[in-house]
Amino acid sequence: MDKPILATGIRELPKIAIVLGTGGIKAMAALALFEFFEEQKIPIDLLVGCSGGALACATIGMGQRPSQVREMGLAKLEKKLFTKINYKSLMGIFSSKMGTFDKRSGILNPERYQNALREYFGDIKLEQMRPRTLIQTTDVETGEGVVLSRGLAADAVYASCAFFPAFPPIKIDGRYLGDGIYSAPVPVVEAIKRNVDVIIALDFKEKVRTEPKGFFSCFYRHIDNTMRTLTRSQMLLSIGMHHHEIVIVEVDFDHSINPWDVHELPSIIEAGEVAVKKQKNAILSAIASFTKSSPQPENRPDKNPAEKRVEKKNEGVKDSANQNSGFRRTVAINPDDDEDRPKSGRTGS
């Protein structure tokens, strides 16, 4: 069945998280997944993004629809944002007498990129976003993963995308935060910590067979290979930890795509469409299987004796007891009526 959970009437839905991994502009392939959820009228409760995935999550979280992003593109993401070299920092790599390079430094000057993000997001804060949006970063002093849930979206996204040593970290709440790729390239564990039921994780892979040329290409290839190992180990840990469903969608690219290759956006989204189509049934089945396996409120195994005694004494409080027990909410779904469809990013998720 193409739409196993969509039917007229009352149907319980799980809490759903979408996790987008690192990938630069390739993470915009996730637009295909968001469009799929819109078509299926399935609400999303949580977004978790790292690096390029942080930009994609925050774009949706601030209220942009996938169709709007597809039409407008990311025109402000120009190559010139990534070409202004900080020569003082660059020379500092070779000699402290020639320049300075420390934890606050980067080979590239971040001013243009930061200004572009601030113009794009404005004064929007993460806590204002719906669905709830979390941004994965890394403390460059300790290597510890730091997940941002509050503060300016522009600063959080910059931190998550600040690929050290290319870009310098940004100081937020007293910590120097940089690219989340170094701590959790595909931050599935963060979704698990938030007690969601179904997790859809997108991982973006370049299947490039040519040898890298130049410092940045060689360095990035090394980091990419290292992060693949970290991602695999974290995925295995996540699968062991999670009590419900995790669906991993791998989006493959047959050539290298730079962060400023905005002209690649149509082919990036197309790659996302291919990947989502392959995993469509797995995604819908994960949601449907949770729905079907969820016990009725009166038969819940987690119901304690006190609740049962209250229900026997006064059946009128049954509904209230169910709501206060942490049991997942039910949502009325009517595919033919927009007013009844569940809205993405409900408050109180």
C-alpha atoms as a PDB file:
ATOM      1  CA  MET A   1       0.000   0.000   0.000  1.00  0.00           C
ATOM      2  CA  ASP A   2       1.307   3.441  -0.895  1.00  0.00           C
ATOM      3  CA  LYS A   3      -0.435   5.233   1.983  1.00  0.00           C
ATOM      4  CA  PRO A   4      -0.860   2.716   4.801  1.00  0.00           C
ATOM      5  CA  ILE A   5      -1.613   5.274   7.507  1.00  0.00           C
ATOM      6  CA  LEU A   6      -3.889   7.620   5.623  1.00  0.00           C
ATOM      7  CA  ALA A   7      -7.558   6.924   6.121  1.00  0.00           C
ATOM      8  CA  THR A   8     -10.640   8.828   7.159  1.00  0.00           C
ATOM      9  CA  GLY A   9     -11.269   8.753  10.890  1.00  0.00           C
ATOM     10  CA  ILE A  10      -9.173   8.828  14.039  1.00  0.00           C
ATOM     11  CA  ARG A  11      -5.678   7.431  13.718  1.00  0.00           C
ATOM     12  CA  GLU A  12      -2.832   7.628  16.186  1.00  0.00           C
ATOM     13  CA  LEU A  13       0.446   8.979  14.845  1.00  0.00           C
ATOM     14  CA  PRO A  14       3.917   8.513  16.304  1.00  0.00           C
ATOM     15  CA  LYS A  15       6.249  11.378  17.051  1.00  0.00           C
ATOM     16  CA  ILE A  16       8.423  11.753  13.972  1.00  0.00           C
ATOM     17  CA  ALA A  17      11.912  13.241  13.658  1.00  0.00           C
ATOM     18  CA  ILE A  18      13.858  14.033  10.518  1.00  0.00           C
ATOM     19  CA  VAL A  19      17.639  14.033  10.893  1.00  0.00           C
ATOM     20  CA  LEU A  20      19.799  15.585   8.178  1.00  0.00           C
ATOM     21  CA  GLY A  21      23.501  14.862   8.116  1.00  0.00           C
ATOM     22  CA  THR A  22      26.448  16.860   6.886  1.00  0.00           C
ATOM     23  CA  GLY A  23      26.785  17.459   3.178  1.00  0.00           C
ATOM     24  CA  GLY A  24      27.006  21.133   2.307  1.00  0.00           C
ATOM     25  CA  ILE A  25      24.458  22.179  -0.291  1.00  0.00           C
ATOM     26  CA  LYS A  26      23.819  18.471  -0.998  1.00  0.00           C
ATOM     27  CA  ALA A  27      21.656  18.440   2.137  1.00  0.00           C
ATOM     28  CA  MET A  28      19.039  20.346   0.125  1.00  0.00           C
ATOM     29  CA  ALA A  29      18.196  16.946  -1.353  1.00  0.00           C
ATOM     30  CA  ALA A  30      16.051  16.686   1.782  1.00  0.00           C
ATOM     31  CA  LEU A  31      13.530  18.999   0.108  1.00  0.00           C
ATOM     32  CA  ALA A  32      12.272  15.891  -1.668  1.00  0.00           C
ATOM     33  CA  LEU A  33      11.606  14.241   1.702  1.00  0.00           C
ATOM     34  CA  PHE A  34       9.769  17.279   3.057  1.00  0.00           C
ATOM     35  CA  GLU A  35       7.642  17.400  -0.096  1.00  0.00           C
ATOM     36  CA  PHE A  36       6.854  13.712   0.373  1.00  0.00           C
ATOM     37  CA  PHE A  37       5.681  14.321   3.952  1.00  0.00           C
ATOM     38  CA  GLU A  38       3.531  17.225   2.749  1.00  0.00           C
ATOM     39  CA  GLU A  39       1.920  15.035   0.088  1.00  0.00           C
ATOM     40  CA  GLN A  40       1.206  12.316   2.639  1.00  0.00           C
ATOM     41  CA  LYS A  41      -0.112  14.887   5.129  1.00  0.00           C
ATOM     42  CA  ILE A  42       2.162  13.496   7.831  1.00  0.00           C
ATOM     43  CA  PRO A  43       3.234  16.018  10.511  1.00  0.00           C
ATOM     44  CA  ILE A  44       6.850  16.315  11.634  1.00  0.00           C
ATOM     45  CA  ASP A  45       7.647  16.861  15.312  1.00  0.00           C
ATOM     46  CA  LEU A  46      11.414  17.397  15.336  1.00  0.00           C
ATOM     47  CA  LEU A  47      14.207  18.463  12.974  1.00  0.00           C
ATOM     48  CA  VAL A  48      17.864  17.784  13.764  1.00  0.00           C
ATOM     49  CA  GLY A  49      20.558  19.029  11.405  1.00  0.00           C
ATOM     50  CA  CYS A  50      24.325  19.031  11.120  1.00  0.00           C
ATOM     51  CA  SER A  51      26.380  21.320   8.877  1.00  0.00           C
ATOM     52  CA  GLY A  52      24.573  21.535   5.519  1.00  0.00           C
ATOM     53  CA  GLY A  53      21.742  19.611   7.146  1.00  0.00           C
ATOM     54  CA  ALA A  54      21.485  22.399   9.725  1.00  0.00           C
ATOM     55  CA  LEU A  55      20.891  24.941   6.950  1.00  0.00           C
ATOM     56  CA  ALA A  56      18.178  22.757   5.418  1.00  0.00           C
ATOM     57  CA  CYS A  57      16.455  22.097   8.763  1.00  0.00           C
ATOM     58  CA  ALA A  58      16.513  25.747   9.789  1.00  0.00           C
ATOM     59  CA  THR A  59      15.134  26.760   6.393  1.00  0.00           C
ATOM     60  CA  ILE A  60      12.096  24.515   6.900  1.00  0.00           C
ATOM     61  CA  GLY A  61      11.881  25.366  10.597  1.00  0.00           C
ATOM     62  CA  MET A  62      11.575  29.090   9.923  1.00  0.00           C
ATOM     63  CA  GLY A  63       8.499  28.474   7.792  1.00  0.00           C
ATOM     64  CA  GLN A  64       9.749  28.033   4.237  1.00  0.00           C
ATOM     65  CA  ARG A  65       7.871  25.400   2.265  1.00  0.00           C
ATOM     66  CA  PRO A  66       9.929  23.035   0.101  1.00  0.00           C
ATOM     67  CA  SER A  67       8.282  24.409  -3.032  1.00  0.00           C
ATOM     68  CA  GLN A  68       9.377  27.946  -2.090  1.00  0.00           C
ATOM     69  CA  VAL A  69      12.993  26.883  -1.646  1.00  0.00           C
ATOM     70  CA  ARG A  70      12.851  24.961  -4.910  1.00  0.00           C
ATOM     71  CA  GLU A  71      11.589  28.060  -6.733  1.00  0.00           C
ATOM     72  CA  MET A  72      13.781  30.682  -5.095  1.00  0.00           C
ATOM     73  CA  GLY A  73      16.834  28.490  -4.703  1.00  0.00           C
ATOM     74  CA  LEU A  74      19.709  29.645  -2.532  1.00  0.00           C
ATOM     75  CA  ALA A  75      20.788  32.597  -4.624  1.00  0.00           C
ATOM     76  CA  LYS A  76      22.688  34.198  -1.756  1.00  0.00           C
ATOM     77  CA  LEU A  77      24.941  31.146  -1.405  1.00  0.00           C
ATOM     78  CA  GLU A  78      27.531  32.467  -3.848  1.00  0.00           C
ATOM     79  CA  LYS A  79      31.090  31.339  -4.427  1.00  0.00           C
ATOM     80  CA  LYS A  80      32.430  34.706  -3.253  1.00  0.00           C
ATOM     81  CA  LEU A  81      31.292  33.824   0.282  1.00  0.00           C
ATOM     82  CA  PHE A  82      33.986  31.154   0.353  1.00  0.00           C
ATOM     83  CA  THR A  83      36.902  32.896  -1.361  1.00  0.00           C
ATOM     84  CA  LYS A  84      38.017  35.753   0.915  1.00  0.00           C
ATOM     85  CA  ILE A  85      41.271  34.483   2.414  1.00  0.00           C
ATOM     86  CA  ASN A  86      42.507  35.628   5.809  1.00  0.00           C
ATOM     87  CA  TYR A  87      46.204  35.909   4.944  1.00  0.00           C
ATOM     88  CA  LYS A  88      47.247  36.618   8.521  1.00  0.00           C
ATOM     89  CA  SER A  89      45.770  33.300   9.631  1.00  0.00           C
ATOM     90  CA  LEU A  90      47.084  31.516   6.553  1.00  0.00           C
ATOM     91  CA  MET A  91      50.660  32.677   7.139  1.00  0.00           C
ATOM     92  CA  GLY A  92      50.291  31.826  10.816  1.00  0.00           C
ATOM     93  CA  ILE A  93      50.023  28.162   9.845  1.00  0.00           C
ATOM     94  CA  PHE A  94      53.638  28.248   8.682  1.00  0.00           C
ATOM     95  CA  SER A  95      55.172  30.569  11.266  1.00  0.00           C
ATOM     96  CA  SER A  96      54.014  32.487  14.319  1.00  0.00           C
ATOM     97  CA  LYS A  97      56.327  35.285  13.193  1.00  0.00           C
ATOM     98  CA  MET A  98      54.411  35.675   9.950  1.00  0.00           C
ATOM     99  CA  GLY A  99      50.891  35.556  11.335  1.00  0.00           C
ATOM    100  CA  THR A 100      48.564  34.154  13.975  1.00  0.00           C
ATOM    101  CA  PHE A 101      46.543  30.968  13.924  1.00  0.00           C
ATOM    102  CA  ASP A 102      44.687  29.719  16.992  1.00  0.00           C
ATOM    103  CA  LYS A 103      41.275  28.333  18.004  1.00  0.00           C
ATOM    104  CA  ARG A 104      39.606  31.558  16.852  1.00  0.00           C
ATOM    105  CA  SER A 105      41.218  31.508  13.423  1.00  0.00           C
ATOM    106  CA  GLY A 106      40.234  30.319   9.990  1.00  0.00           C
ATOM    107  CA  ILE A 107      41.866  30.318   6.585  1.00  0.00           C
ATOM    108  CA  LEU A 108      38.805  32.057   5.161  1.00  0.00           C
ATOM    109  CA  ASN A 109      37.294  35.295   6.400  1.00  0.00           C
ATOM    110  CA  PRO A 110      33.776  34.420   7.640  1.00  0.00           C
ATOM    111  CA  GLU A 111      32.270  37.908   7.392  1.00  0.00           C
ATOM    112  CA  ARG A 112      30.570  37.467   4.002  1.00  0.00           C
ATOM    113  CA  TYR A 113      29.147  34.077   4.890  1.00  0.00           C
ATOM    114  CA  GLN A 114      27.887  35.250   8.280  1.00  0.00           C
ATOM    115  CA  ASN A 115      26.264  38.323   6.751  1.00  0.00           C
ATOM    116  CA  ALA A 116      24.538  36.181   4.122  1.00  0.00           C
ATOM    117  CA  LEU A 117      23.118  33.900   6.823  1.00  0.00           C
ATOM    118  CA  ARG A 118      21.961  36.862   8.913  1.00  0.00           C
ATOM    119  CA  GLU A 119      20.251  38.381   5.901  1.00  0.00           C
ATOM    120  CA  TYR A 120      18.630  35.028   5.101  1.00  0.00           C
ATOM    121  CA  PHE A 121      17.395  34.190   8.618  1.00  0.00           C
ATOM    122  CA  GLY A 122      17.058  37.698  10.019  1.00  0.00           C
ATOM    123  CA  ASP A 123      16.367  37.766  13.770  1.00  0.00           C
ATOM    124  CA  ILE A 124      14.620  34.387  13.863  1.00  0.00           C
ATOM    125  CA  LYS A 125      15.596  32.269  16.857  1.00  0.00           C
ATOM    126  CA  LEU A 126      15.707  28.492  17.074  1.00  0.00           C
ATOM    127  CA  GLU A 127      13.126  28.426  19.856  1.00  0.00           C
ATOM    128  CA  GLN A 128      10.644  30.121  17.509  1.00  0.00           C
ATOM    129  CA  MET A 129      10.935  27.453  14.843  1.00  0.00           C
ATOM    130  CA  ARG A 130       8.264  24.890  14.062  1.00  0.00           C
ATOM    131  CA  PRO A 131       8.820  22.011  13.904  1.00  0.00           C
ATOM    132  CA  ARG A 132      11.212  22.164  16.835  1.00  0.00           C
ATOM    133  CA  THR A 133      14.710  22.505  15.366  1.00  0.00           C
ATOM    134  CA  LEU A 134      18.025  21.394  16.868  1.00  0.00           C
ATOM    135  CA  ILE A 135      21.447  22.246  15.436  1.00  0.00           C
ATOM    136  CA  GLN A 136      24.509  20.021  15.949  1.00  0.00           C
ATOM    137  CA  THR A 137      27.840  21.776  16.558  1.00  0.00           C
ATOM    138  CA  THR A 138      31.211  20.876  18.079  1.00  0.00           C
ATOM    139  CA  ASP A 139      33.160  22.587  20.851  1.00  0.00           C
ATOM    140  CA  VAL A 140      36.540  23.059  19.136  1.00  0.00           C
ATOM    141  CA  GLU A 141      38.384  23.160  22.466  1.00  0.00           C
ATOM    142  CA  THR A 142      37.055  19.883  23.872  1.00  0.00           C
ATOM    143  CA  GLY A 143      35.730  18.027  20.817  1.00  0.00           C
ATOM    144  CA  GLU A 144      32.419  17.643  22.622  1.00  0.00           C
ATOM    145  CA  GLY A 145      29.216  17.728  20.626  1.00  0.00           C
ATOM    146  CA  VAL A 146      27.014  20.708  21.483  1.00  0.00           C
ATOM    147  CA  VAL A 147      23.381  20.791  20.369  1.00  0.00           C
ATOM    148  CA  LEU A 148      21.827  24.233  20.055  1.00  0.00           C
ATOM    149  CA  SER A 149      18.104  24.666  20.654  1.00  0.00           C
ATOM    150  CA  ARG A 150      17.987  28.384  21.456  1.00  0.00           C
ATOM    151  CA  GLY A 151      19.499  31.577  20.106  1.00  0.00           C
ATOM    152  CA  LEU A 152      19.832  33.213  16.703  1.00  0.00           C
ATOM    153  CA  ALA A 153      19.349  30.747  13.870  1.00  0.00           C
ATOM    154  CA  ALA A 154      21.954  32.516  11.732  1.00  0.00           C
ATOM    155  CA  ASP A 155      24.669  32.058  14.372  1.00  0.00           C
ATOM    156  CA  ALA A 156      23.697  28.444  15.078  1.00  0.00           C
ATOM    157  CA  VAL A 157      23.746  27.498  11.396  1.00  0.00           C
ATOM    158  CA  TYR A 158      27.074  29.255  10.877  1.00  0.00           C
ATOM    159  CA  ALA A 159      28.572  27.351  13.817  1.00  0.00           C
ATOM    160  CA  SER A 160      27.320  24.027  12.479  1.00  0.00           C
ATOM    161  CA  CYS A 161      28.759  24.818   9.021  1.00  0.00           C
ATOM    162  CA  ALA A 162      32.047  26.362  10.216  1.00  0.00           C
ATOM    163  CA  PHE A 163      34.360  23.689   8.838  1.00  0.00           C
ATOM    164  CA  PHE A 164      37.575  24.190  10.790  1.00  0.00           C
ATOM    165  CA  PRO A 165      40.250  25.184   9.768  1.00  0.00           C
ATOM    166  CA  ALA A 166      38.601  26.684   6.669  1.00  0.00           C
ATOM    167  CA  PHE A 167      36.201  28.820   8.724  1.00  0.00           C
ATOM    168  CA  PRO A 168      36.803  29.969  12.303  1.00  0.00           C
ATOM    169  CA  PRO A 169      34.413  28.872  15.040  1.00  0.00           C
ATOM    170  CA  ILE A 170      31.939  31.289  16.592  1.00  0.00           C
ATOM    171  CA  LYS A 171      31.659  32.034  20.307  1.00  0.00           C
ATOM    172  CA  ILE A 172      28.217  31.165  21.669  1.00  0.00           C
ATOM    173  CA  ASP A 173      27.496  31.129  25.409  1.00  0.00           C
ATOM    174  CA  GLY A 174      31.209  31.207  26.183  1.00  0.00           C
ATOM    175  CA  ARG A 175      32.163  28.262  23.933  1.00  0.00           C
ATOM    176  CA  TYR A 176      33.883  28.269  20.565  1.00  0.00           C
ATOM    177  CA  LEU A 177      31.609  26.193  18.358  1.00  0.00           C
ATOM    178  CA  GLY A 178      32.409  24.816  14.930  1.00  0.00           C
ATOM    179  CA  ASP A 179      31.235  22.239  12.416  1.00  0.00           C
ATOM    180  CA  GLY A 180      29.086  19.463  13.860  1.00  0.00           C
ATOM    181  CA  ILE A 181      30.724  17.003  11.469  1.00  0.00           C
ATOM    182  CA  TYR A 182      33.515  16.468  14.001  1.00  0.00           C
ATOM    183  CA  SER A 183      31.192  15.137  16.721  1.00  0.00           C
ATOM    184  CA  ALA A 184      28.008  13.788  15.077  1.00  0.00           C
ATOM    185  CA  PRO A 185      27.914  13.878  11.253  1.00  0.00           C
ATOM    186  CA  VAL A 186      24.398  12.388  11.241  1.00  0.00           C
ATOM    187  CA  PRO A 187      23.041  13.272  14.718  1.00  0.00           C
ATOM    188  CA  VAL A 188      20.501  10.476  15.149  1.00  0.00           C
ATOM    189  CA  VAL A 189      21.322  10.091  18.845  1.00  0.00           C
ATOM    190  CA  GLU A 190      19.938  13.573  19.530  1.00  0.00           C
ATOM    191  CA  ALA A 191      16.571  12.528  18.125  1.00  0.00           C
ATOM    192  CA  ILE A 192      16.598   9.424  20.314  1.00  0.00           C
ATOM    193  CA  LYS A 193      17.241  11.560  23.398  1.00  0.00           C
ATOM    194  CA  ARG A 194      14.039  13.478  22.628  1.00  0.00           C
ATOM    195  CA  ASN A 195      11.943  10.295  22.844  1.00  0.00           C
ATOM    196  CA  VAL A 196      10.600  10.328  19.317  1.00  0.00           C
ATOM    197  CA  ASP A 197       9.118   7.162  17.875  1.00  0.00           C
ATOM    198  CA  VAL A 198      10.093   7.162  14.206  1.00  0.00           C
ATOM    199  CA  ILE A 199      13.360   8.653  12.939  1.00  0.00           C
ATOM    200  CA  ILE A 200      14.052   9.308   9.268  1.00  0.00           C
ATOM    201  CA  ALA A 201      17.772  10.022   8.779  1.00  0.00           C
ATOM    202  CA  LEU A 202      19.274  11.304   5.535  1.00  0.00           C
ATOM    203  CA  ASP A 203      22.937  10.677   4.769  1.00  0.00           C
ATOM    204  CA  PHE A 204      24.567  12.300   1.748  1.00  0.00           C
ATOM    205  CA  LYS A 205      27.372  10.466  -0.049  1.00  0.00           C
ATOM    206  CA  GLU A 206      29.652  11.346  -2.926  1.00  0.00           C
ATOM    207  CA  LYS A 207      30.774   8.275  -4.841  1.00  0.00           C
ATOM    208  CA  VAL A 208      33.785   9.962  -6.399  1.00  0.00           C
ATOM    209  CA  ARG A 209      36.490   7.828  -7.977  1.00  0.00           C
ATOM    210  CA  THR A 210      38.932  10.558  -8.993  1.00  0.00           C
ATOM    211  CA  GLU A 211      41.937  11.417  -6.863  1.00  0.00           C
ATOM    212  CA  PRO A 212      41.652  14.663  -4.884  1.00  0.00           C
ATOM    213  CA  LYS A 213      43.862  17.554  -5.952  1.00  0.00           C
ATOM    214  CA  GLY A 214      44.923  20.482  -3.829  1.00  0.00           C
ATOM    215  CA  PHE A 215      45.090  20.977  -0.069  1.00  0.00           C
ATOM    216  CA  PHE A 216      41.385  21.426   0.626  1.00  0.00           C
ATOM    217  CA  SER A 217      40.324  18.525  -1.612  1.00  0.00           C
ATOM    218  CA  CYS A 218      42.813  16.171   0.036  1.00  0.00           C
ATOM    219  CA  PHE A 219      41.946  17.389   3.521  1.00  0.00           C
ATOM    220  CA  TYR A 220      38.206  17.115   2.936  1.00  0.00           C
ATOM    221  CA  ARG A 221      38.551  13.603   1.470  1.00  0.00           C
ATOM    222  CA  HIS A 222      40.449  12.540   4.591  1.00  0.00           C
ATOM    223  CA  ILE A 223      37.844  14.090   6.896  1.00  0.00           C
ATOM    224  CA  ASP A 224      35.027  12.562   4.861  1.00  0.00           C
ATOM    225  CA  ASN A 225      36.514   9.074   5.156  1.00  0.00           C
ATOM    226  CA  THR A 226      37.042   9.531   8.892  1.00  0.00           C
ATOM    227  CA  MET A 227      33.502  10.797   9.399  1.00  0.00           C
ATOM    228  CA  ARG A 228      32.088   7.822   7.497  1.00  0.00           C
ATOM    229  CA  THR A 229      33.606   5.554  10.131  1.00  0.00           C
ATOM    230  CA  LEU A 230      32.200   7.723  12.934  1.00  0.00           C
ATOM    231  CA  THR A 231      28.780   7.782  11.274  1.00  0.00           C
ATOM    232  CA  ARG A 232      28.653   3.989  10.958  1.00  0.00           C
ATOM    233  CA  SER A 233      29.533   3.467  14.614  1.00  0.00           C
ATOM    234  CA  GLN A 234      26.994   6.066  15.785  1.00  0.00           C
ATOM    235  CA  MET A 235      24.296   4.567  13.560  1.00  0.00           C
ATOM    236  CA  LEU A 236      24.885   1.109  15.029  1.00  0.00           C
ATOM    237  CA  LEU A 237      24.708   2.586  18.532  1.00  0.00           C
ATOM    238  CA  SER A 238      21.496   4.419  17.657  1.00  0.00           C
ATOM    239  CA  ILE A 239      19.805   1.325  16.277  1.00  0.00           C
ATOM    240  CA  GLY A 240      20.636  -0.511  19.495  1.00  0.00           C
ATOM    241  CA  MET A 241      19.314   2.341  21.656  1.00  0.00           C
ATOM    242  CA  HIS A 242      16.091   3.161  19.860  1.00  0.00           C
ATOM    243  CA  HIS A 243      12.895   1.406  20.907  1.00  0.00           C
ATOM    244  CA  HIS A 244      10.941   1.984  17.713  1.00  0.00           C
ATOM    245  CA  GLU A 245      11.873   2.705  14.092  1.00  0.00           C
ATOM    246  CA  ILE A 246      14.880   4.225  12.322  1.00  0.00           C
ATOM    247  CA  VAL A 247      14.847   4.535   8.539  1.00  0.00           C
ATOM    248  CA  ILE A 248      18.130   5.549   6.917  1.00  0.00           C
ATOM    249  CA  VAL A 249      17.879   7.174   3.498  1.00  0.00           C
ATOM    250  CA  GLU A 250      21.173   7.358   1.626  1.00  0.00           C
ATOM    251  CA  VAL A 251      21.351  10.010  -1.083  1.00  0.00           C
ATOM    252  CA  ASP A 252      24.116   9.241  -3.580  1.00  0.00           C
ATOM    253  CA  PHE A 253      25.964  11.679  -5.833  1.00  0.00           C
ATOM    254  CA  ASP A 254      28.282  10.591  -8.640  1.00  0.00           C
ATOM    255  CA  HIS A 255      30.416  13.741  -8.636  1.00  0.00           C
ATOM    256  CA  SER A 256      31.788  16.321  -6.228  1.00  0.00           C
ATOM    257  CA  ILE A 257      29.543  19.264  -5.366  1.00  0.00           C
ATOM    258  CA  ASN A 258      30.972  22.338  -3.667  1.00  0.00           C
ATOM    259  CA  PRO A 259      29.011  24.354  -1.072  1.00  0.00           C
ATOM    260  CA  TRP A 260      28.653  27.247  -3.537  1.00  0.00           C
ATOM    261  CA  ASP A 261      27.450  25.164  -6.510  1.00  0.00           C
ATOM    262  CA  VAL A 262      23.934  26.629  -6.393  1.00  0.00           C
ATOM    263  CA  HIS A 263      23.425  25.709 -10.049  1.00  0.00           C
ATOM    264  CA  GLU A 264      23.458  22.060  -8.936  1.00  0.00           C
ATOM    265  CA  LEU A 265      20.290  22.508  -6.848  1.00  0.00           C
ATOM    266  CA  PRO A 266      17.899  20.907  -9.412  1.00  0.00           C
ATOM    267  CA  SER A 267      20.088  17.796  -9.734  1.00  0.00           C
ATOM    268  CA  ILE A 268      20.549  17.684  -5.946  1.00  0.00           C
ATOM    269  CA  ILE A 269      16.788  17.657  -5.379  1.00  0.00           C
ATOM    270  CA  GLU A 270      16.417  15.053  -8.130  1.00  0.00           C
ATOM    271  CA  ALA A 271      18.903  12.801  -6.319  1.00  0.00           C
ATOM    272  CA  GLY A 272      16.804  13.263  -3.187  1.00  0.00           C
ATOM    273  CA  GLU A 273      13.654  12.283  -5.078  1.00  0.00           C
ATOM    274  CA  VAL A 274      15.314   9.080  -6.293  1.00  0.00           C
ATOM    275  CA  ALA A 275      16.460   8.189  -2.766  1.00  0.00           C
ATOM    276  CA  VAL A 276      13.078   8.952  -1.168  1.00  0.00           C
ATOM    277  CA  LYS A 277      11.255   6.941  -3.824  1.00  0.00           C
ATOM    278  CA  LYS A 278      13.432   3.924  -3.015  1.00  0.00           C
ATOM    279  CA  GLN A 279      12.654   4.207   0.697  1.00  0.00           C
ATOM    280  CA  LYS A 280       9.057   5.433   0.423  1.00  0.00           C
ATOM    281  CA  ASN A 281       7.500   2.141   1.453  1.00  0.00           C
ATOM    282  CA  ALA A 282       9.982   1.703   4.308  1.00  0.00           C
ATOM    283  CA  ILE A 283       9.117   5.159   5.653  1.00  0.00           C
ATOM    284  CA  LEU A 284       5.365   4.625   5.437  1.00  0.00           C
ATOM    285  CA  SER A 285       5.620   1.108   6.854  1.00  0.00           C
ATOM    286  CA  ALA A 286       7.646   2.350   9.829  1.00  0.00           C
ATOM    287  CA  ILE A 287       4.928   4.873  10.650  1.00  0.00           C
ATOM    288  CA  ALA A 288       2.118   2.404   9.992  1.00  0.00           C
ATOM    289  CA  SER A 289       3.693  -0.406  12.022  1.00  0.00           C
ATOM    290  CA  PHE A 290       4.061   1.885  15.009  1.00  0.00           C
ATOM    291  CA  THR A 291       0.447   2.968  14.662  1.00  0.00           C
ATOM    292  CA  LYS A 292      -0.835  -0.593  14.438  1.00  0.00           C
ATOM    293  CA  SER A 293       1.295  -1.877  17.301  1.00  0.00           C
ATOM    294  CA  SER A 294       0.394   0.890  19.746  1.00  0.00           C
ATOM    295  CA  PRO A 295      -1.914  -0.431  22.505  1.00  0.00           C
ATOM    296  CA  GLN A 296      -5.284   1.108  23.238  1.00  0.00           C
ATOM    297  CA  PRO A 297      -5.238   3.429  26.262  1.00  0.00           C
ATOM    298  CA  GLU A 298      -7.238   1.048  28.430  1.00  0.00           C
ATOM    299  CA  ASN A 299      -4.847  -1.834  27.639  1.00  0.00           C
ATOM    300  CA  ARG A 300      -1.543  -0.026  28.015  1.00  0.00           C
ATOM    301  CA  PRO A 301       1.133  -2.159  29.681  1.00  0.00           C
ATOM    302  CA  ASP A 302       2.595   0.952  31.307  1.00  0.00           C
ATOM    303  CA  LYS A 303      -0.619   1.778  33.159  1.00  0.00           C
ATOM    304  CA  ASN A 304       0.022   1.683  36.893  1.00  0.00           C
ATOM    305  CA  PRO A 305      -2.385   0.306  39.537  1.00  0.00           C
ATOM    306  CA  ALA A 306      -3.259   3.802  40.734  1.00  0.00           C
ATOM    307  CA  GLU A 307      -4.580   4.706  37.306  1.00  0.00           C
ATOM    308  CA  LYS A 308      -6.660   1.534  37.193  1.00  0.00           C
ATOM    309  CA  ARG A 309      -8.166   2.224  40.616  1.00  0.00           C
ATOM    310  CA  VAL A 310      -9.049   5.761  39.574  1.00  0.00           C
ATOM    311  CA  GLU A 311     -10.768   4.475  36.427  1.00  0.00           C
ATOM    312  CA  LYS A 312     -12.779   1.918  38.382  1.00  0.00           C
ATOM    313  CA  LYS A 313     -13.836   4.560  40.874  1.00  0.00           C
ATOM    314  CA  ASN A 314     -14.754   7.142  38.297  1.00  0.00           C
ATOM    315  CA  GLU A 315     -14.867   6.297  34.619  1.00  0.00           C
ATOM    316  CA  GLY A 316     -15.318   9.959  33.895  1.00  0.00           C
ATOM    317  CA  VAL A 317     -11.641  10.633  34.497  1.00  0.00           C
ATOM    318  CA  LYS A 318     -10.462   7.985  32.029  1.00  0.00           C
ATOM    319  CA  ASP A 319      -9.760  10.414  29.217  1.00  0.00           C
ATOM    320  CA  SER A 320      -7.906  12.762  31.519  1.00  0.00           C
ATOM    321  CA  ALA A 321      -5.772   9.955  32.918  1.00  0.00           C
ATOM    322  CA  ASN A 322      -4.841   8.859  29.426  1.00  0.00           C
ATOM    323  CA  GLN A 323      -3.783  12.360  28.434  1.00  0.00           C
ATOM    324  CA  ASN A 324      -1.693  12.905  31.539  1.00  0.00           C
ATOM    325  CA  SER A 325       0.040   9.535  31.392  1.00  0.00           C
ATOM    326  CA  GLY A 326       2.311  10.461  28.513  1.00  0.00           C
ATOM    327  CA  PHE A 327       0.400   8.344  25.997  1.00  0.00           C
ATOM    328  CA  ARG A 328       0.817   9.654  22.470  1.00  0.00           C
ATOM    329  CA  ARG A 329      -1.881  11.875  21.096  1.00  0.00           C
ATOM    330  CA  THR A 330      -4.342  10.932  18.370  1.00  0.00           C
ATOM    331  CA  VAL A 331      -4.831  13.003  15.254  1.00  0.00           C
ATOM    332  CA  ALA A 332      -7.851  13.183  12.987  1.00  0.00           C
ATOM    333  CA  ILE A 333      -6.810  12.578   9.396  1.00  0.00           C
ATOM    334  CA  ASN A 334      -9.021  13.331   6.440  1.00  0.00           C
ATOM    335  CA  PRO A 335      -7.136  13.271   3.136  1.00  0.00           C
ATOM    336  CA  ASP A 336      -9.875  15.258   1.413  1.00  0.00           C
ATOM    337  CA  ASP A 337     -10.190  18.101   3.914  1.00  0.00           C
ATOM    338  CA  ASP A 338      -7.309  20.525   4.448  1.00  0.00           C
ATOM    339  CA  GLU A 339      -8.889  21.862   7.642  1.00  0.00           C
ATOM    340  CA  ASP A 340      -8.657  18.456   9.294  1.00  0.00           C
ATOM    341  CA  ARG A 341      -5.169  17.533   8.204  1.00  0.00           C
ATOM    342  CA  PRO A 342      -2.428  17.565  10.870  1.00  0.00           C
ATOM    343  CA  LYS A 343      -0.279  20.655  10.631  1.00  0.00           C
ATOM    344  CA  SER A 344       3.503  20.320  10.442  1.00  0.00           C
ATOM    345  CA  GLY A 345       5.269  21.698  13.487  1.00  0.00           C
ATOM    346  CA  ARG A 346       2.474  21.517  16.033  1.00  0.00           C
ATOM    347  CA  THR A 347       3.150  23.303  19.282  1.00  0.00           C
ATOM    348  CA  GLY A 348       3.423  21.077  22.276  1.00  0.00           C
ATOM    349  CA  SER A 349       5.235  18.336  20.340  1.00  0.00           C
END
